[in-house]
Amino acid sequence: MLRLGTKVRHHGRDAMVIARTLGGHPSYDLRLVDGTIVKYALEADCEALPADGGFPPPAAGANAAAGRLG
């Protein structure tokens, strides 16, 4: 079962779970990145994504160091 707010990939498109139905087969309402709503998406069609999008957080002070010249 996916939790509300979980980031998922649905048929190759990134989305977020905004509602769920707990009938015989769990289904979810999803909001795609472009704002489109997909209703009753099956759990089997949703791939959970890492909460941070799969990218590690930047190192502390990385932006300040990058802006320095020699």
PDB file of N, CA and C in Angstrom:
ATOM      1  N   MET A   1       0.838  -1.176   0.000  1.00  0.00           N
ATOM      2  CA  MET A   1       0.000   0.000   0.000  1.00  0.00           C
ATOM      3  C   MET A   1       0.884   1.240   0.000  1.00  0.00           C
ATOM      4  N   LEU A   2       0.547   2.175  -0.866  1.00  0.00           N
ATOM      5  CA  LEU A   2       1.278   3.428  -0.950  1.00  0.00           C
ATOM      6  C   LEU A   2       0.650   4.452   0.000  1.00  0.00           C
ATOM      7  N   ARG A   3       1.478   5.244   0.613  1.00  0.00           N
ATOM      8  CA  ARG A   3       0.985   6.278   1.517  1.00  0.00           C
ATOM      9  C   ARG A   3       0.657   7.548   0.749  1.00  0.00           C
ATOM     10  N   LEU A   4      -0.236   8.350   1.299  1.00  0.00           N
ATOM     11  CA  LEU A   4      -0.533   9.645   0.697  1.00  0.00           C
ATOM     12  C   LEU A   4       0.744  10.480   0.642  1.00  0.00           C
ATOM     13  N   GLY A   5       0.955  11.160  -0.462  1.00  0.00           N
ATOM     14  CA  GLY A   5       2.149  11.989  -0.629  1.00  0.00           C
ATOM     15  C   GLY A   5       3.340  11.249  -1.217  1.00  0.00           C
ATOM     16  N   THR A   6       3.219   9.932  -1.406  1.00  0.00           N
ATOM     17  CA  THR A   6       4.315   9.159  -1.971  1.00  0.00           C
ATOM     18  C   THR A   6       4.544   9.568  -3.421  1.00  0.00           C
ATOM     19  N   LYS A   7       5.803   9.756  -3.790  1.00  0.00           N
ATOM     20  CA  LYS A   7       6.144  10.042  -5.176  1.00  0.00           C
ATOM     21  C   LYS A   7       6.242   8.715  -5.915  1.00  0.00           C
ATOM     22  N   VAL A   8       5.628   8.667  -7.085  1.00  0.00           N
ATOM     23  CA  VAL A   8       5.587   7.436  -7.871  1.00  0.00           C
ATOM     24  C   VAL A   8       5.850   7.752  -9.342  1.00  0.00           C
ATOM     25  N   ARG A   9       6.124   6.697 -10.099  1.00  0.00           N
ATOM     26  CA  ARG A   9       6.182   6.803 -11.557  1.00  0.00           C
ATOM     27  C   ARG A   9       5.031   5.960 -12.085  1.00  0.00           C
ATOM     28  N   HIS A  10       4.182   6.569 -12.888  1.00  0.00           N
ATOM     29  CA  HIS A  10       2.994   5.905 -13.440  1.00  0.00           C
ATOM     30  C   HIS A  10       3.110   5.958 -14.965  1.00  0.00           C
ATOM     31  N   HIS A  11       3.307   4.806 -15.573  1.00  0.00           N
ATOM     32  CA  HIS A  11       3.466   4.727 -17.034  1.00  0.00           C
ATOM     33  C   HIS A  11       4.527   5.709 -17.527  1.00  0.00           C
ATOM     34  N   GLY A  12       5.663   5.768 -16.820  1.00  0.00           N
ATOM     35  CA  GLY A  12       6.784   6.604 -17.235  1.00  0.00           C
ATOM     36  C   GLY A  12       6.685   8.067 -16.868  1.00  0.00           C
ATOM     37  N   ARG A  13       5.653   8.468 -16.136  1.00  0.00           N
ATOM     38  CA  ARG A  13       5.482   9.873 -15.753  1.00  0.00           C
ATOM     39  C   ARG A  13       5.511  10.003 -14.239  1.00  0.00           C
ATOM     40  N   ASP A  14       6.235  11.007 -13.740  1.00  0.00           N
ATOM     41  CA  ASP A  14       6.328  11.229 -12.301  1.00  0.00           C
ATOM     42  C   ASP A  14       5.013  11.786 -11.767  1.00  0.00           C
ATOM     43  N   ALA A  15       4.638  11.326 -10.572  1.00  0.00           N
ATOM     44  CA  ALA A  15       3.373  11.730  -9.968  1.00  0.00           C
ATOM     45  C   ALA A  15       3.462  11.631  -8.454  1.00  0.00           C
ATOM     46  N   MET A  16       2.398  12.083  -7.781  1.00  0.00           N
ATOM     47  CA  MET A  16       2.294  11.980  -6.329  1.00  0.00           C
ATOM     48  C   MET A  16       0.914  11.419  -5.987  1.00  0.00           C
ATOM     49  N   VAL A  17       0.874  10.528  -4.993  1.00  0.00           N
ATOM     50  CA  VAL A  17      -0.393   9.959  -4.536  1.00  0.00           C
ATOM     51  C   VAL A  17      -1.141  11.027  -3.747  1.00  0.00           C
ATOM     52  N   ILE A  18      -2.374  11.333  -4.201  1.00  0.00           N
ATOM     53  CA  ILE A  18      -3.173  12.350  -3.502  1.00  0.00           C
ATOM     54  C   ILE A  18      -4.432  11.778  -2.878  1.00  0.00           C
ATOM     55  N   ALA A  19      -4.791  10.533  -3.222  1.00  0.00           N
ATOM     56  CA  ALA A  19      -5.954   9.866  -2.622  1.00  0.00           C
ATOM     57  C   ALA A  19      -5.830   8.378  -2.879  1.00  0.00           C
ATOM     58  N   ARG A  20      -6.534   7.575  -2.074  1.00  0.00           N
ATOM     59  CA  ARG A  20      -6.496   6.128  -2.278  1.00  0.00           C
ATOM     60  C   ARG A  20      -7.870   5.531  -2.007  1.00  0.00           C
ATOM     61  N   THR A  21      -8.134   4.427  -2.686  1.00  0.00           N
ATOM     62  CA  THR A  21      -9.374   3.676  -2.522  1.00  0.00           C
ATOM     63  C   THR A  21      -8.995   2.286  -2.056  1.00  0.00           C
ATOM     64  N   LEU A  22      -9.618   1.818  -0.996  1.00  0.00           N
ATOM     65  CA  LEU A  22      -9.231   0.542  -0.408  1.00  0.00           C
ATOM     66  C   LEU A  22     -10.260  -0.541  -0.702  1.00  0.00           C
ATOM     67  N   GLY A  23     -10.644  -0.704  -1.953  1.00  0.00           N
ATOM     68  CA  GLY A  23     -11.585  -1.750  -2.342  1.00  0.00           C
ATOM     69  C   GLY A  23     -10.857  -3.079  -2.483  1.00  0.00           C
ATOM     70  N   GLY A  24     -11.383  -3.957  -3.321  1.00  0.00           N
ATOM     71  CA  GLY A  24     -10.770  -5.259  -3.551  1.00  0.00           C
ATOM     72  C   GLY A  24      -9.350  -5.146  -4.070  1.00  0.00           C
ATOM     73  N   HIS A  25      -9.104  -4.164  -4.943  1.00  0.00           N
ATOM     74  CA  HIS A  25      -7.764  -3.891  -5.464  1.00  0.00           C
ATOM     75  C   HIS A  25      -7.454  -2.437  -5.152  1.00  0.00           C
ATOM     76  N   PRO A  26      -6.406  -2.201  -4.347  1.00  0.00           N
ATOM     77  CA  PRO A  26      -6.094  -0.808  -4.011  1.00  0.00           C
ATOM     78  C   PRO A  26      -5.855   0.024  -5.276  1.00  0.00           C
ATOM     79  N   SER A  27      -6.449   1.192  -5.319  1.00  0.00           N
ATOM     80  CA  SER A  27      -6.202   2.115  -6.423  1.00  0.00           C
ATOM     81  C   SER A  27      -5.958   3.500  -5.847  1.00  0.00           C
ATOM     82  N   TYR A  28      -5.386   4.353  -6.657  1.00  0.00           N
ATOM     83  CA  TYR A  28      -4.920   5.647  -6.184  1.00  0.00           C
ATOM     84  C   TYR A  28      -5.272   6.738  -7.172  1.00  0.00           C
ATOM     85  N   ASP A  29      -5.511   7.924  -6.655  1.00  0.00           N
ATOM     86  CA  ASP A  29      -5.598   9.114  -7.492  1.00  0.00           C
ATOM     87  C   ASP A  29      -4.213   9.754  -7.441  1.00  0.00           C
ATOM     88  N   LEU A  30      -3.715  10.126  -8.603  1.00  0.00           N
ATOM     89  CA  LEU A  30      -2.363  10.668  -8.717  1.00  0.00           C
ATOM     90  C   LEU A  30      -2.408  12.054  -9.334  1.00  0.00           C
ATOM     91  N   ARG A  31      -1.497  12.931  -8.901  1.00  0.00           N
ATOM     92  CA  ARG A  31      -1.305  14.222  -9.549  1.00  0.00           C
ATOM     93  C   ARG A  31       0.032  14.160 -10.275  1.00  0.00           C
ATOM     94  N   LEU A  32      -0.019  14.264 -11.609  1.00  0.00           N
ATOM     95  CA  LEU A  32       1.199  14.257 -12.402  1.00  0.00           C
ATOM     96  C   LEU A  32       1.918  15.590 -12.272  1.00  0.00           C
ATOM     97  N   VAL A  33       3.175  15.622 -12.683  1.00  0.00           N
ATOM     98  CA  VAL A  33       3.987  16.829 -12.569  1.00  0.00           C
ATOM     99  C   VAL A  33       3.332  18.014 -13.286  1.00  0.00           C
ATOM    100  N   ASP A  34       2.649  17.754 -14.409  1.00  0.00           N
ATOM    101  CA  ASP A  34       2.024  18.849 -15.152  1.00  0.00           C
ATOM    102  C   ASP A  34       0.667  19.276 -14.574  1.00  0.00           C
ATOM    103  N   GLY A  35       0.251  18.662 -13.450  1.00  0.00           N
ATOM    104  CA  GLY A  35      -0.988  19.026 -12.785  1.00  0.00           C
ATOM    105  C   GLY A  35      -2.179  18.156 -13.156  1.00  0.00           C
ATOM    106  N   THR A  36      -2.014  17.295 -14.154  1.00  0.00           N
ATOM    107  CA  THR A  36      -3.073  16.390 -14.566  1.00  0.00           C
ATOM    108  C   THR A  36      -3.370  15.395 -13.450  1.00  0.00           C
ATOM    109  N   ILE A  37      -4.647  15.066 -13.243  1.00  0.00           N
ATOM    110  CA  ILE A  37      -5.053  14.089 -12.238  1.00  0.00           C
ATOM    111  C   ILE A  37      -5.390  12.772 -12.932  1.00  0.00           C
ATOM    112  N   VAL A  38      -4.837  11.680 -12.426  1.00  0.00           N
ATOM    113  CA  VAL A  38      -5.169  10.332 -12.890  1.00  0.00           C
ATOM    114  C   VAL A  38      -5.966   9.684 -11.770  1.00  0.00           C
ATOM    115  N   LYS A  39      -7.184   9.251 -12.070  1.00  0.00           N
ATOM    116  CA  LYS A  39      -8.045   8.632 -11.063  1.00  0.00           C
ATOM    117  C   LYS A  39      -8.000   7.119 -11.186  1.00  0.00           C
ATOM    118  N   TYR A  40      -8.067   6.443 -10.061  1.00  0.00           N
ATOM    119  CA  TYR A  40      -8.154   4.985  -9.975  1.00  0.00           C
ATOM    120  C   TYR A  40      -6.976   4.258 -10.633  1.00  0.00           C
ATOM    121  N   ALA A  41      -5.766   4.775 -10.459  1.00  0.00           N
ATOM    122  CA  ALA A  41      -4.574   4.087 -10.959  1.00  0.00           C
ATOM    123  C   ALA A  41      -4.324   2.864 -10.086  1.00  0.00           C
ATOM    124  N   LEU A  42      -4.055   1.740 -10.704  1.00  0.00           N
ATOM    125  CA  LEU A  42      -3.789   0.517  -9.949  1.00  0.00           C
ATOM    126  C   LEU A  42      -2.396   0.560  -9.335  1.00  0.00           C
ATOM    127  N   GLU A  43      -2.273  -0.048  -8.162  1.00  0.00           N
ATOM    128  CA  GLU A  43      -0.978  -0.074  -7.487  1.00  0.00           C
ATOM    129  C   GLU A  43       0.077  -0.740  -8.352  1.00  0.00           C
ATOM    130  N   ALA A  44      -0.309  -1.757  -9.109  1.00  0.00           N
ATOM    131  CA  ALA A  44       0.638  -2.469  -9.975  1.00  0.00           C
ATOM    132  C   ALA A  44       1.219  -1.557 -11.055  1.00  0.00           C
ATOM    133  N   ASP A  45       0.524  -0.463 -11.386  1.00  0.00           N
ATOM    134  CA  ASP A  45       0.990   0.478 -12.408  1.00  0.00           C
ATOM    135  C   ASP A  45       1.829   1.607 -11.823  1.00  0.00           C
ATOM    136  N   CYS A  46       2.055   1.587 -10.505  1.00  0.00           N
ATOM    137  CA  CYS A  46       2.788   2.653  -9.820  1.00  0.00           C
ATOM    138  C   CYS A  46       4.099   2.116  -9.260  1.00  0.00           C
ATOM    139  N   GLU A  47       5.179   2.784  -9.588  1.00  0.00           N
ATOM    140  CA  GLU A  47       6.501   2.434  -9.050  1.00  0.00           C
ATOM    141  C   GLU A  47       6.898   3.524  -8.050  1.00  0.00           C
ATOM    142  N   ALA A  48       7.056   3.148  -6.787  1.00  0.00           N
ATOM    143  CA  ALA A  48       7.432   4.128  -5.760  1.00  0.00           C
ATOM    144  C   ALA A  48       8.834   4.654  -6.042  1.00  0.00           C
ATOM    145  N   LEU A  49       9.009   5.959  -5.900  1.00  0.00           N
ATOM    146  CA  LEU A  49      10.297   6.604  -6.108  1.00  0.00           C
ATOM    147  C   LEU A  49      10.894   7.010  -4.766  1.00  0.00           C
ATOM    148  N   PRO A  50      12.215   7.127  -4.695  1.00  0.00           N
ATOM    149  CA  PRO A  50      12.819   7.628  -3.455  1.00  0.00           C
ATOM    150  C   PRO A  50      12.262   9.018  -3.129  1.00  0.00           C
ATOM    151  N   ALA A  51      12.092   9.309  -1.866  1.00  0.00           N
ATOM    152  CA  ALA A  51      11.491  10.578  -1.431  1.00  0.00           C
ATOM    153  C   ALA A  51      12.257  11.793  -1.940  1.00  0.00           C
ATOM    154  N   ASP A  52      13.564  11.660  -2.098  1.00  0.00           N
ATOM    155  CA  ASP A  52      14.377  12.796  -2.537  1.00  0.00           C
ATOM    156  C   ASP A  52      14.569  12.813  -4.051  1.00  0.00           C
ATOM    157  N   GLY A  53      13.843  11.987  -4.777  1.00  0.00           N
ATOM    158  CA  GLY A  53      13.972  11.952  -6.227  1.00  0.00           C
ATOM    159  C   GLY A  53      15.195  11.189  -6.695  1.00  0.00           C
ATOM    160  N   GLY A  54      15.897  10.542  -5.765  1.00  0.00           N
ATOM    161  CA  GLY A  54      17.055   9.746  -6.140  1.00  0.00           C
ATOM    162  C   GLY A  54      18.360  10.512  -6.171  1.00  0.00           C
ATOM    163  N   PHE A  55      18.332  11.808  -5.866  1.00  0.00           N
ATOM    164  CA  PHE A  55      19.545  12.601  -5.891  1.00  0.00           C
ATOM    165  C   PHE A  55      20.026  12.846  -4.472  1.00  0.00           C
ATOM    166  N   PRO A  56      21.316  12.667  -4.207  1.00  0.00           N
ATOM    167  CA  PRO A  56      21.817  12.936  -2.855  1.00  0.00           C
ATOM    168  C   PRO A  56      21.753  14.429  -2.561  1.00  0.00           C
ATOM    169  N   PRO A  57      21.570  14.810  -1.291  1.00  0.00           N
ATOM    170  CA  PRO A  57      21.549  16.230  -0.954  1.00  0.00           C
ATOM    171  C   PRO A  57      22.924  16.846  -1.191  1.00  0.00           C
ATOM    172  N   PRO A  58      22.994  18.141  -1.515  1.00  0.00           N
ATOM    173  CA  PRO A  58      24.293  18.771  -1.737  1.00  0.00           C
ATOM    174  C   PRO A  58      25.106  18.798  -0.448  1.00  0.00           C
ATOM    175  N   ALA A  59      26.402  18.714  -0.608  1.00  0.00           N
ATOM    176  CA  ALA A  59      27.297  18.776   0.554  1.00  0.00           C
ATOM    177  C   ALA A  59      27.201  20.156   1.188  1.00  0.00           C
ATOM    178  N   ALA A  60      27.373  20.214   2.491  1.00  0.00           N
ATOM    179  CA  ALA A  60      27.309  21.495   3.201  1.00  0.00           C
ATOM    180  C   ALA A  60      28.363  22.442   2.655  1.00  0.00           C
ATOM    181  N   GLY A  61      27.944  23.641   2.301  1.00  0.00           N
ATOM    182  CA  GLY A  61      28.883  24.646   1.798  1.00  0.00           C
ATOM    183  C   GLY A  61      29.287  24.453   0.345  1.00  0.00           C
ATOM    184  N   ALA A  62      28.679  23.508  -0.361  1.00  0.00           N
ATOM    185  CA  ALA A  62      29.070  23.238  -1.752  1.00  0.00           C
ATOM    186  C   ALA A  62      28.845  24.457  -2.635  1.00  0.00           C
ATOM    187  N   ASN A  63      27.749  25.172  -2.434  1.00  0.00           N
ATOM    188  CA  ASN A  63      27.466  26.345  -3.281  1.00  0.00           C
ATOM    189  C   ASN A  63      28.465  27.458  -3.011  1.00  0.00           C
ATOM    190  N   ALA A  64      28.836  27.679  -1.785  1.00  0.00           N
ATOM    191  CA  ALA A  64      29.781  28.740  -1.451  1.00  0.00           C
ATOM    192  C   ALA A  64      31.159  28.415  -2.040  1.00  0.00           C
ATOM    193  N   ALA A  65      31.568  27.162  -1.957  1.00  0.00           N
ATOM    194  CA  ALA A  65      32.876  26.773  -2.486  1.00  0.00           C
ATOM    195  C   ALA A  65      32.910  26.884  -4.000  1.00  0.00           C
ATOM    196  N   ALA A  66      31.808  26.587  -4.664  1.00  0.00           N
ATOM    197  CA  ALA A  66      31.765  26.642  -6.118  1.00  0.00           C
ATOM    198  C   ALA A  66      31.891  28.058  -6.625  1.00  0.00           C
ATOM    199  N   GLY A  67      31.457  29.042  -5.847  1.00  0.00           N
ATOM    200  CA  GLY A  67      31.500  30.433  -6.284  1.00  0.00           C
ATOM    201  C   GLY A  67      32.847  31.098  -6.064  1.00  0.00           C
ATOM    202  N   ARG A  68      33.748  30.459  -5.386  1.00  0.00           N
ATOM    203  CA  ARG A  68      35.064  31.066  -5.093  1.00  0.00           C
ATOM    204  C   ARG A  68      35.992  30.942  -6.281  1.00  0.00           C
ATOM    205  N   LEU A  69      36.761  31.959  -6.497  1.00  0.00           N
ATOM    206  CA  LEU A  69      37.804  31.927  -7.537  1.00  0.00           C
ATOM    207  C   LEU A  69      39.143  31.735  -6.863  1.00  0.00           C
ATOM    208  N   GLY A  70      39.905  30.776  -7.399  1.00  0.00           N
ATOM    209  CA  GLY A  70      41.259  30.442  -6.981  1.00  0.00           C
ATOM    210  C   GLY A  70      41.561  30.760  -5.612  1.00  0.00           C
TER     211      GLY A  70
END
